[in-house]
Amino acid sequence: MGLATAGVILNVLLAAAVAFNVTQDLSGTAATVFLSLTAASLAATIVGFLLALSDRKGRMGPILMIVGSILFVPGGLVAVFGAKRLMSQSKQDQRAQEKFES
């Protein structure tokens, strides 16, 4: 969980840096497009993280984190690795639950 949290924090910082640089360098439609893509990607990462926290057995949250983090390469890779770790932990939990029930 720590790696996923660090990845989300890193994505927020990278999104802030992109937004600051875009507003300084670009104007008009180009700035709007870059800011919209950045905001959508960051929103996907945060929503995915919240889904991963609320539903430990689901895969939708970690997958959404991975998709949202693609824009923030290489910093977003931290969130990708964290999401993959969450997915593997949920698989291990499901296997342990199945063994316990049978």
PDB file of N, CA and C in Angstrom:
ATOM      1  N   MET A   1       0.823  -1.187   0.000  1.00  0.00           N
ATOM      2  CA  MET A   1       0.000   0.000   0.000  1.00  0.00           C
ATOM      3  C   MET A   1       0.869   1.253   0.000  1.00  0.00           C
ATOM      4  N   GLY A   2       2.017   1.165   0.607  1.00  0.00           N
ATOM      5  CA  GLY A   2       2.899   2.326   0.691  1.00  0.00           C
ATOM      6  C   GLY A   2       3.420   2.771  -0.663  1.00  0.00           C
ATOM      7  N   LEU A   3       3.735   1.802  -1.513  1.00  0.00           N
ATOM      8  CA  LEU A   3       4.240   2.138  -2.837  1.00  0.00           C
ATOM      9  C   LEU A   3       3.156   2.792  -3.687  1.00  0.00           C
ATOM     10  N   ALA A   4       1.932   2.308  -3.565  1.00  0.00           N
ATOM     11  CA  ALA A   4       0.819   2.912  -4.304  1.00  0.00           C
ATOM     12  C   ALA A   4       0.554   4.332  -3.806  1.00  0.00           C
ATOM     13  N   THR A   5       0.619   4.534  -2.502  1.00  0.00           N
ATOM     14  CA  THR A   5       0.420   5.871  -1.935  1.00  0.00           C
ATOM     15  C   THR A   5       1.500   6.830  -2.414  1.00  0.00           C
ATOM     16  N   ALA A   6       2.736   6.363  -2.393  1.00  0.00           N
ATOM     17  CA  ALA A   6       3.843   7.201  -2.877  1.00  0.00           C
ATOM     18  C   ALA A   6       3.665   7.530  -4.353  1.00  0.00           C
ATOM     19  N   GLY A   7       3.172   6.579  -5.124  1.00  0.00           N
ATOM     20  CA  GLY A   7       2.943   6.821  -6.546  1.00  0.00           C
ATOM     21  C   GLY A   7       1.867   7.861  -6.790  1.00  0.00           C
ATOM     22  N   VAL A   8       0.802   7.815  -6.006  1.00  0.00           N
ATOM     23  CA  VAL A   8      -0.264   8.808  -6.162  1.00  0.00           C
ATOM     24  C   VAL A   8       0.242  10.195  -5.779  1.00  0.00           C
ATOM     25  N   ILE A   9       0.992  10.281  -4.702  1.00  0.00           N
ATOM     26  CA  ILE A   9       1.557  11.573  -4.282  1.00  0.00           C
ATOM     27  C   ILE A   9       2.503  12.109  -5.349  1.00  0.00           C
ATOM     28  N   LEU A  10       3.316  11.234  -5.905  1.00  0.00           N
ATOM     29  CA  LEU A  10       4.235  11.644  -6.969  1.00  0.00           C
ATOM     30  C   LEU A  10       3.471  12.105  -8.204  1.00  0.00           C
ATOM     31  N   ASN A  11       2.383  11.443  -8.537  1.00  0.00           N
ATOM     32  CA  ASN A  11       1.573  11.873  -9.676  1.00  0.00           C
ATOM     33  C   ASN A  11       0.942  13.236  -9.427  1.00  0.00           C
ATOM     34  N   VAL A  12       0.504  13.501  -8.213  1.00  0.00           N
ATOM     35  CA  VAL A  12      -0.060  14.820  -7.884  1.00  0.00           C
ATOM     36  C   VAL A  12       0.999  15.901  -8.061  1.00  0.00           C
ATOM     37  N   LEU A  13       2.207  15.627  -7.578  1.00  0.00           N
ATOM     38  CA  LEU A  13       3.285  16.611  -7.719  1.00  0.00           C
ATOM     39  C   LEU A  13       3.655  16.829  -9.189  1.00  0.00           C
ATOM     40  N   LEU A  14       3.710  15.747  -9.951  1.00  0.00           N
ATOM     41  CA  LEU A  14       4.019  15.883 -11.372  1.00  0.00           C
ATOM     42  C   LEU A  14       2.911  16.624 -12.120  1.00  0.00           C
ATOM     43  N   ALA A  15       1.666  16.380 -11.752  1.00  0.00           N
ATOM     44  CA  ALA A  15       0.556  17.093 -12.384  1.00  0.00           C
ATOM     45  C   ALA A  15       0.623  18.578 -12.074  1.00  0.00           C
ATOM     46  N   ALA A  16       0.990  18.918 -10.842  1.00  0.00           N
ATOM     47  CA  ALA A  16       1.133  20.327 -10.477  1.00  0.00           C
ATOM     48  C   ALA A  16       2.263  20.977 -11.279  1.00  0.00           C
ATOM     49  N   ALA A  17       3.362  20.259 -11.447  1.00  0.00           N
ATOM     50  CA  ALA A  17       4.484  20.795 -12.221  1.00  0.00           C
ATOM     51  C   ALA A  17       4.098  20.982 -13.687  1.00  0.00           C
ATOM     52  N   VAL A  18       3.391  20.023 -14.248  1.00  0.00           N
ATOM     53  CA  VAL A  18       2.948  20.146 -15.637  1.00  0.00           C
ATOM     54  C   VAL A  18       1.995  21.320 -15.788  1.00  0.00           C
ATOM     55  N   ALA A  19       1.057  21.445 -14.860  1.00  0.00           N
ATOM     56  CA  ALA A  19       0.087  22.542 -14.932  1.00  0.00           C
ATOM     57  C   ALA A  19       0.784  23.899 -14.827  1.00  0.00           C
ATOM     58  N   PHE A  20       1.762  23.994 -13.944  1.00  0.00           N
ATOM     59  CA  PHE A  20       2.489  25.253 -13.787  1.00  0.00           C
ATOM     60  C   PHE A  20       3.259  25.597 -15.058  1.00  0.00           C
ATOM     61  N   ASN A  21       3.965  24.621 -15.610  1.00  0.00           N
ATOM     62  CA  ASN A  21       4.749  24.871 -16.820  1.00  0.00           C
ATOM     63  C   ASN A  21       3.871  25.170 -18.029  1.00  0.00           C
ATOM     64  N   VAL A  22       2.755  24.481 -18.138  1.00  0.00           N
ATOM     65  CA  VAL A  22       1.859  24.706 -19.274  1.00  0.00           C
ATOM     66  C   VAL A  22       1.267  26.106 -19.216  1.00  0.00           C
ATOM     67  N   THR A  23       0.858  26.537 -18.034  1.00  0.00           N
ATOM     68  CA  THR A  23       0.275  27.875 -17.933  1.00  0.00           C
ATOM     69  C   THR A  23       1.316  28.958 -18.167  1.00  0.00           C
ATOM     70  N   GLN A  24       2.579  28.683 -17.891  1.00  0.00           N
ATOM     71  CA  GLN A  24       3.636  29.661 -18.123  1.00  0.00           C
ATOM     72  C   GLN A  24       4.041  29.730 -19.593  1.00  0.00           C
ATOM     73  N   ASP A  25       4.067  28.589 -20.266  1.00  0.00           N
ATOM     74  CA  ASP A  25       4.606  28.529 -21.623  1.00  0.00           C
ATOM     75  C   ASP A  25       3.559  28.607 -22.726  1.00  0.00           C
ATOM     76  N   LEU A  26       2.391  28.040 -22.510  1.00  0.00           N
ATOM     77  CA  LEU A  26       1.377  27.963 -23.561  1.00  0.00           C
ATOM     78  C   LEU A  26       0.171  28.827 -23.199  1.00  0.00           C
ATOM     79  N   SER A  27      -0.613  29.108 -24.200  1.00  0.00           N
ATOM     80  CA  SER A  27      -1.857  29.830 -23.956  1.00  0.00           C
ATOM     81  C   SER A  27      -2.910  29.336 -24.931  1.00  0.00           C
ATOM     82  N   GLY A  28      -4.143  29.596 -24.641  1.00  0.00           N
ATOM     83  CA  GLY A  28      -5.221  29.255 -25.550  1.00  0.00           C
ATOM     84  C   GLY A  28      -5.578  27.793 -25.542  1.00  0.00           C
ATOM     85  N   THR A  29      -5.836  27.263 -26.725  1.00  0.00           N
ATOM     86  CA  THR A  29      -6.336  25.903 -26.873  1.00  0.00           C
ATOM     87  C   THR A  29      -5.307  24.857 -26.456  1.00  0.00           C
ATOM     88  N   ALA A  30      -4.054  25.071 -26.776  1.00  0.00           N
ATOM     89  CA  ALA A  30      -3.018  24.100 -26.417  1.00  0.00           C
ATOM     90  C   ALA A  30      -2.931  23.932 -24.910  1.00  0.00           C
ATOM     91  N   ALA A  31      -2.975  25.015 -24.173  1.00  0.00           N
ATOM     92  CA  ALA A  31      -2.925  24.936 -22.714  1.00  0.00           C
ATOM     93  C   ALA A  31      -4.147  24.209 -22.168  1.00  0.00           C
ATOM     94  N   THR A  32      -5.299  24.482 -22.750  1.00  0.00           N
ATOM     95  CA  THR A  32      -6.531  23.828 -22.302  1.00  0.00           C
ATOM     96  C   THR A  32      -6.467  22.323 -22.529  1.00  0.00           C
ATOM     97  N   VAL A  33      -5.942  21.915 -23.684  1.00  0.00           N
ATOM     98  CA  VAL A  33      -5.834  20.487 -23.989  1.00  0.00           C
ATOM     99  C   VAL A  33      -4.871  19.806 -23.021  1.00  0.00           C
ATOM    100  N   PHE A  34      -3.695  20.378 -22.811  1.00  0.00           N
ATOM    101  CA  PHE A  34      -2.722  19.779 -21.895  1.00  0.00           C
ATOM    102  C   PHE A  34      -3.251  19.724 -20.472  1.00  0.00           C
ATOM    103  N   LEU A  35      -3.893  20.775 -20.022  1.00  0.00           N
ATOM    104  CA  LEU A  35      -4.438  20.783 -18.669  1.00  0.00           C
ATOM    105  C   LEU A  35      -5.585  19.794 -18.518  1.00  0.00           C
ATOM    106  N   SER A  36      -6.399  19.646 -19.548  1.00  0.00           N
ATOM    107  CA  SER A  36      -7.501  18.681 -19.501  1.00  0.00           C
ATOM    108  C   SER A  36      -6.976  17.250 -19.437  1.00  0.00           C
ATOM    109  N   LEU A  37      -5.976  16.941 -20.257  1.00  0.00           N
ATOM    110  CA  LEU A  37      -5.382  15.602 -20.218  1.00  0.00           C
ATOM    111  C   LEU A  37      -4.723  15.314 -18.877  1.00  0.00           C
ATOM    112  N   THR A  38      -4.038  16.295 -18.346  1.00  0.00           N
ATOM    113  CA  THR A  38      -3.386  16.122 -17.051  1.00  0.00           C
ATOM    114  C   THR A  38      -4.413  15.912 -15.952  1.00  0.00           C
ATOM    115  N   ALA A  39      -5.472  16.709 -15.962  1.00  0.00           N
ATOM    116  CA  ALA A  39      -6.513  16.588 -14.934  1.00  0.00           C
ATOM    117  C   ALA A  39      -7.245  15.254 -15.037  1.00  0.00           C
ATOM    118  N   ALA A  40      -7.542  14.812 -16.252  1.00  0.00           N
ATOM    119  CA  ALA A  40      -8.223  13.530 -16.428  1.00  0.00           C
ATOM    120  C   ALA A  40      -7.347  12.369 -15.974  1.00  0.00           C
ATOM    121  N   SER A  41      -6.085  12.429 -16.297  1.00  0.00           N
ATOM    122  CA  SER A  41      -5.161  11.376 -15.897  1.00  0.00           C
ATOM    123  C   SER A  41      -4.994  11.336 -14.380  1.00  0.00           C
ATOM    124  N   LEU A  42      -4.867  12.500 -13.783  1.00  0.00           N
ATOM    125  CA  LEU A  42      -4.729  12.562 -12.327  1.00  0.00           C
ATOM    126  C   LEU A  42      -6.007  12.088 -11.645  1.00  0.00           C
ATOM    127  N   ALA A  43      -7.156  12.450 -12.181  1.00  0.00           N
ATOM    128  CA  ALA A  43      -8.428  12.008 -11.615  1.00  0.00           C
ATOM    129  C   ALA A  43      -8.556  10.488 -11.689  1.00  0.00           C
ATOM    130  N   ALA A  44      -8.141   9.899 -12.800  1.00  0.00           N
ATOM    131  CA  ALA A  44      -8.190   8.443 -12.942  1.00  0.00           C
ATOM    132  C   ALA A  44      -7.292   7.767 -11.912  1.00  0.00           C
ATOM    133  N   THR A  45      -6.120   8.327 -11.685  1.00  0.00           N
ATOM    134  CA  THR A  45      -5.200   7.752 -10.709  1.00  0.00           C
ATOM    135  C   THR A  45      -5.788   7.826  -9.302  1.00  0.00           C
ATOM    136  N   ILE A  46      -6.348   8.961  -8.942  1.00  0.00           N
ATOM    137  CA  ILE A  46      -6.885   9.136  -7.590  1.00  0.00           C
ATOM    138  C   ILE A  46      -8.132   8.279  -7.384  1.00  0.00           C
ATOM    139  N   VAL A  47      -9.023   8.242  -8.371  1.00  0.00           N
ATOM    140  CA  VAL A  47     -10.222   7.407  -8.252  1.00  0.00           C
ATOM    141  C   VAL A  47      -9.838   5.930  -8.163  1.00  0.00           C
ATOM    142  N   GLY A  48      -8.869   5.522  -8.960  1.00  0.00           N
ATOM    143  CA  GLY A  48      -8.386   4.146  -8.891  1.00  0.00           C
ATOM    144  C   GLY A  48      -7.798   3.813  -7.536  1.00  0.00           C
ATOM    145  N   PHE A  49      -7.054   4.737  -6.954  1.00  0.00           N
ATOM    146  CA  PHE A  49      -6.472   4.522  -5.633  1.00  0.00           C
ATOM    147  C   PHE A  49      -7.571   4.381  -4.583  1.00  0.00           C
ATOM    148  N   LEU A  50      -8.583   5.234  -4.662  1.00  0.00           N
ATOM    149  CA  LEU A  50      -9.688   5.154  -3.700  1.00  0.00           C
ATOM    150  C   LEU A  50     -10.478   3.857  -3.871  1.00  0.00           C
ATOM    151  N   LEU A  51     -10.673   3.429  -5.111  1.00  0.00           N
ATOM    152  CA  LEU A  51     -11.333   2.140  -5.345  1.00  0.00           C
ATOM    153  C   LEU A  51     -10.499   0.987  -4.793  1.00  0.00           C
ATOM    154  N   ALA A  52      -9.192   1.070  -4.956  1.00  0.00           N
ATOM    155  CA  ALA A  52      -8.314   0.017  -4.441  1.00  0.00           C
ATOM    156  C   ALA A  52      -8.356  -0.028  -2.916  1.00  0.00           C
ATOM    157  N   LEU A  53      -8.495   1.119  -2.285  1.00  0.00           N
ATOM    158  CA  LEU A  53      -8.598   1.148  -0.823  1.00  0.00           C
ATOM    159  C   LEU A  53      -9.918   0.563  -0.336  1.00  0.00           C
ATOM    160  N   SER A  54     -10.997   0.874  -1.049  1.00  0.00           N
ATOM    161  CA  SER A  54     -12.314   0.443  -0.584  1.00  0.00           C
ATOM    162  C   SER A  54     -12.628  -1.008  -0.923  1.00  0.00           C
ATOM    163  N   ASP A  55     -12.121  -1.500  -2.044  1.00  0.00           N
ATOM    164  CA  ASP A  55     -12.419  -2.860  -2.483  1.00  0.00           C
ATOM    165  C   ASP A  55     -11.117  -3.621  -2.667  1.00  0.00           C
ATOM    166  N   ARG A  56     -10.681  -4.296  -1.634  1.00  0.00           N
ATOM    167  CA  ARG A  56      -9.395  -4.999  -1.671  1.00  0.00           C
ATOM    168  C   ARG A  56      -9.365  -6.152  -2.671  1.00  0.00           C
ATOM    169  N   LYS A  57     -10.522  -6.746  -2.948  1.00  0.00           N
ATOM    170  CA  LYS A  57     -10.545  -7.909  -3.822  1.00  0.00           C
ATOM    171  C   LYS A  57     -10.725  -7.543  -5.286  1.00  0.00           C
ATOM    172  N   GLY A  58     -11.137  -6.322  -5.571  1.00  0.00           N
ATOM    173  CA  GLY A  58     -11.378  -5.910  -6.939  1.00  0.00           C
ATOM    174  C   GLY A  58     -10.102  -5.551  -7.676  1.00  0.00           C
ATOM    175  N   ARG A  59     -10.172  -5.620  -8.990  1.00  0.00           N
ATOM    176  CA  ARG A  59      -9.022  -5.272  -9.810  1.00  0.00           C
ATOM    177  C   ARG A  59      -9.216  -3.945 -10.514  1.00  0.00           C
ATOM    178  N   MET A  60     -10.421  -3.383 -10.442  1.00  0.00           N
ATOM    179  CA  MET A  60     -10.713  -2.158 -11.171  1.00  0.00           C
ATOM    180  C   MET A  60      -9.871  -0.987 -10.664  1.00  0.00           C
ATOM    181  N   GLY A  61      -9.715  -0.866  -9.369  1.00  0.00           N
ATOM    182  CA  GLY A  61      -8.939   0.239  -8.801  1.00  0.00           C
ATOM    183  C   GLY A  61      -7.489   0.253  -9.256  1.00  0.00           C
ATOM    184  N   PRO A  62      -6.771  -0.853  -9.076  1.00  0.00           N
ATOM    185  CA  PRO A  62      -5.379  -0.873  -9.544  1.00  0.00           C
ATOM    186  C   PRO A  62      -5.236  -0.679 -11.053  1.00  0.00           C
ATOM    187  N   ILE A  63      -6.157  -1.224 -11.824  1.00  0.00           N
ATOM    188  CA  ILE A  63      -6.088  -1.037 -13.279  1.00  0.00           C
ATOM    189  C   ILE A  63      -6.291   0.427 -13.629  1.00  0.00           C
ATOM    190  N   LEU A  64      -7.228   1.081 -12.962  1.00  0.00           N
ATOM    191  CA  LEU A  64      -7.470   2.505 -13.198  1.00  0.00           C
ATOM    192  C   LEU A  64      -6.254   3.336 -12.789  1.00  0.00           C
ATOM    193  N   MET A  65      -5.572   2.926 -11.721  1.00  0.00           N
ATOM    194  CA  MET A  65      -4.338   3.612 -11.323  1.00  0.00           C
ATOM    195  C   MET A  65      -3.272   3.491 -12.406  1.00  0.00           C
ATOM    196  N   ILE A  66      -3.155   2.316 -12.982  1.00  0.00           N
ATOM    197  CA  ILE A  66      -2.159   2.097 -14.029  1.00  0.00           C
ATOM    198  C   ILE A  66      -2.467   2.967 -15.243  1.00  0.00           C
ATOM    199  N   VAL A  67      -3.730   2.976 -15.664  1.00  0.00           N
ATOM    200  CA  VAL A  67      -4.122   3.773 -16.826  1.00  0.00           C
ATOM    201  C   VAL A  67      -3.896   5.258 -16.563  1.00  0.00           C
ATOM    202  N   GLY A  68      -4.234   5.726 -15.369  1.00  0.00           N
ATOM    203  CA  GLY A  68      -4.058   7.137 -15.038  1.00  0.00           C
ATOM    204  C   GLY A  68      -2.610   7.557 -14.907  1.00  0.00           C
ATOM    205  N   SER A  69      -1.740   6.617 -14.579  1.00  0.00           N
ATOM    206  CA  SER A  69      -0.334   6.939 -14.359  1.00  0.00           C
ATOM    207  C   SER A  69       0.503   6.922 -15.626  1.00  0.00           C
ATOM    208  N   ILE A  70      -0.050   6.454 -16.718  1.00  0.00           N
ATOM    209  CA  ILE A  70       0.714   6.343 -17.960  1.00  0.00           C
ATOM    210  C   ILE A  70       1.235   7.697 -18.415  1.00  0.00           C
ATOM    211  N   LEU A  71       0.455   8.749 -18.235  1.00  0.00           N
ATOM    212  CA  LEU A  71       0.848  10.079 -18.691  1.00  0.00           C
ATOM    213  C   LEU A  71       2.082  10.595 -17.946  1.00  0.00           C
ATOM    214  N   PHE A  72       2.272  10.171 -16.714  1.00  0.00           N
ATOM    215  CA  PHE A  72       3.330  10.729 -15.870  1.00  0.00           C
ATOM    216  C   PHE A  72       4.595   9.872 -15.847  1.00  0.00           C
ATOM    217  N   VAL A  73       4.965   9.304 -16.977  1.00  0.00           N
ATOM    218  CA  VAL A  73       6.188   8.505 -17.070  1.00  0.00           C
ATOM    219  C   VAL A  73       7.378   9.434 -16.994  1.00  0.00           C
ATOM    220  N   PRO A  74       8.426   9.176 -16.293  1.00  0.00           N
ATOM    221  CA  PRO A  74       8.761   7.983 -15.541  1.00  0.00           C
ATOM    222  C   PRO A  74       8.270   8.012 -14.096  1.00  0.00           C
ATOM    223  N   GLY A  75       7.854   9.155 -13.585  1.00  0.00           N
ATOM    224  CA  GLY A  75       7.405   9.218 -12.193  1.00  0.00           C
ATOM    225  C   GLY A  75       6.168   8.393 -11.928  1.00  0.00           C
ATOM    226  N   GLY A  76       5.308   8.260 -12.907  1.00  0.00           N
ATOM    227  CA  GLY A  76       4.090   7.490 -12.743  1.00  0.00           C
ATOM    228  C   GLY A  76       4.326   5.999 -12.616  1.00  0.00           C
ATOM    229  N   LEU A  77       5.527   5.550 -12.964  1.00  0.00           N
ATOM    230  CA  LEU A  77       5.837   4.131 -12.833  1.00  0.00           C
ATOM    231  C   LEU A  77       5.799   3.674 -11.381  1.00  0.00           C
ATOM    232  N   VAL A  78       6.029   4.577 -10.456  1.00  0.00           N
ATOM    233  CA  VAL A  78       5.934   4.219  -9.042  1.00  0.00           C
ATOM    234  C   VAL A  78       4.507   3.785  -8.729  1.00  0.00           C
ATOM    235  N   ALA A  79       3.520   4.524  -9.227  1.00  0.00           N
ATOM    236  CA  ALA A  79       2.122   4.152  -9.015  1.00  0.00           C
ATOM    237  C   ALA A  79       1.774   2.860  -9.751  1.00  0.00           C
ATOM    238  N   VAL A  80       2.351   2.654 -10.914  1.00  0.00           N
ATOM    239  CA  VAL A  80       2.100   1.423 -11.657  1.00  0.00           C
ATOM    240  C   VAL A  80       2.604   0.219 -10.867  1.00  0.00           C
ATOM    241  N   PHE A  81       3.810   0.297 -10.345  1.00  0.00           N
ATOM    242  CA  PHE A  81       4.347  -0.804  -9.547  1.00  0.00           C
ATOM    243  C   PHE A  81       3.535  -1.009  -8.270  1.00  0.00           C
ATOM    244  N   GLY A  82       3.098   0.086  -7.655  1.00  0.00           N
ATOM    245  CA  GLY A  82       2.252  -0.028  -6.470  1.00  0.00           C
ATOM    246  C   GLY A  82       0.921  -0.683  -6.783  1.00  0.00           C
ATOM    247  N   ALA A  83       0.330  -0.332  -7.912  1.00  0.00           N
ATOM    248  CA  ALA A  83      -0.947  -0.937  -8.311  1.00  0.00           C
ATOM    249  C   ALA A  83      -0.774  -2.422  -8.611  1.00  0.00           C
ATOM    250  N   LYS A  84       0.319  -2.779  -9.270  1.00  0.00           N
ATOM    251  CA  LYS A  84       0.576  -4.196  -9.551  1.00  0.00           C
ATOM    252  C   LYS A  84       0.763  -4.978  -8.253  1.00  0.00           C
ATOM    253  N   ARG A  85       1.413  -4.365  -7.283  1.00  0.00           N
ATOM    254  CA  ARG A  85       1.592  -5.023  -5.995  1.00  0.00           C
ATOM    255  C   ARG A  85       0.246  -5.209  -5.292  1.00  0.00           C
ATOM    256  N   LEU A  86      -0.639  -4.216  -5.392  1.00  0.00           N
ATOM    257  CA  LEU A  86      -1.975  -4.351  -4.808  1.00  0.00           C
ATOM    258  C   LEU A  86      -2.749  -5.486  -5.472  1.00  0.00           C
ATOM    259  N   MET A  87      -2.610  -5.604  -6.794  1.00  0.00           N
ATOM    260  CA  MET A  87      -3.306  -6.675  -7.498  1.00  0.00           C
ATOM    261  C   MET A  87      -2.783  -8.045  -7.075  1.00  0.00           C
ATOM    262  N   SER A  88      -1.478  -8.177  -6.915  1.00  0.00           N
ATOM    263  CA  SER A  88      -0.920  -9.474  -6.516  1.00  0.00           C
ATOM    264  C   SER A  88      -1.303  -9.810  -5.076  1.00  0.00           C
ATOM    265  N   GLN A  89      -1.388  -8.804  -4.209  1.00  0.00           N
ATOM    266  CA  GLN A  89      -1.815  -9.057  -2.836  1.00  0.00           C
ATOM    267  C   GLN A  89      -3.269  -9.504  -2.793  1.00  0.00           C
ATOM    268  N   SER A  90      -4.111  -8.900  -3.630  1.00  0.00           N
ATOM    269  CA  SER A  90      -5.522  -9.304  -3.637  1.00  0.00           C
ATOM    270  C   SER A  90      -5.675 -10.727  -4.160  1.00  0.00           C
ATOM    271  N   LYS A  91      -4.849 -11.121  -5.134  1.00  0.00           N
ATOM    272  CA  LYS A  91      -4.894 -12.501  -5.629  1.00  0.00           C
ATOM    273  C   LYS A  91      -4.475 -13.471  -4.530  1.00  0.00           C
ATOM    274  N   GLN A  92      -3.446 -13.126  -3.772  1.00  0.00           N
ATOM    275  CA  GLN A  92      -2.992 -13.987  -2.688  1.00  0.00           C
ATOM    276  C   GLN A  92      -4.057 -14.098  -1.607  1.00  0.00           C
ATOM    277  N   ASP A  93      -4.736 -12.988  -1.325  1.00  0.00           N
ATOM    278  CA  ASP A  93      -5.807 -13.008  -0.328  1.00  0.00           C
ATOM    279  C   ASP A  93      -6.965 -13.893  -0.789  1.00  0.00           C
ATOM    280  N   GLN A  94      -7.290 -13.833  -2.083  1.00  0.00           N
ATOM    281  CA  GLN A  94      -8.371 -14.666  -2.603  1.00  0.00           C
ATOM    282  C   GLN A  94      -8.009 -16.140  -2.532  1.00  0.00           C
ATOM    283  N   ARG A  95      -6.780 -16.477  -2.879  1.00  0.00           N
ATOM    284  CA  ARG A  95      -6.339 -17.874  -2.800  1.00  0.00           C
ATOM    285  C   ARG A  95      -6.370 -18.380  -1.367  1.00  0.00           C
ATOM    286  N   ALA A  96      -5.929 -17.557  -0.433  1.00  0.00           N
ATOM    287  CA  ALA A  96      -5.944 -17.963   0.963  1.00  0.00           C
ATOM    288  C   ALA A  96      -7.377 -18.145   1.462  1.00  0.00           C
ATOM    289  N   GLN A  97      -8.278 -17.276   1.026  1.00  0.00           N
ATOM    290  CA  GLN A  97      -9.683 -17.389   1.426  1.00  0.00           C
ATOM    291  C   GLN A  97     -10.304 -18.646   0.848  1.00  0.00           C
ATOM    292  N   GLU A  98      -9.976 -18.983  -0.412  1.00  0.00           N
ATOM    293  CA  GLU A  98     -10.501 -20.201  -1.027  1.00  0.00           C
ATOM    294  C   GLU A  98      -9.988 -21.436  -0.321  1.00  0.00           C
ATOM    295  N   LYS A  99      -8.720 -21.460   0.063  1.00  0.00           N
ATOM    296  CA  LYS A  99      -8.159 -22.604   0.774  1.00  0.00           C
ATOM    297  C   LYS A  99      -8.799 -22.741   2.152  1.00  0.00           C
ATOM    298  N   PHE A 100      -9.067 -21.610   2.795  1.00  0.00           N
ATOM    299  CA  PHE A 100      -9.668 -21.634   4.114  1.00  0.00           C
ATOM    300  C   PHE A 100     -11.097 -22.148   4.073  1.00  0.00           C
ATOM    301  N   GLU A 101     -11.831 -21.773   3.003  1.00  0.00           N
ATOM    302  CA  GLU A 101     -13.230 -22.182   2.884  1.00  0.00           C
ATOM    303  C   GLU A 101     -13.372 -23.644   2.511  1.00  0.00           C
ATOM    304  N   SER A 102     -12.399 -24.211   1.822  1.00  0.00           N
ATOM    305  CA  SER A 102     -12.534 -25.612   1.407  1.00  0.00           C
ATOM    306  C   SER A 102     -11.892 -26.580   2.368  1.00  0.00           C
TER     307      SER A 102
END
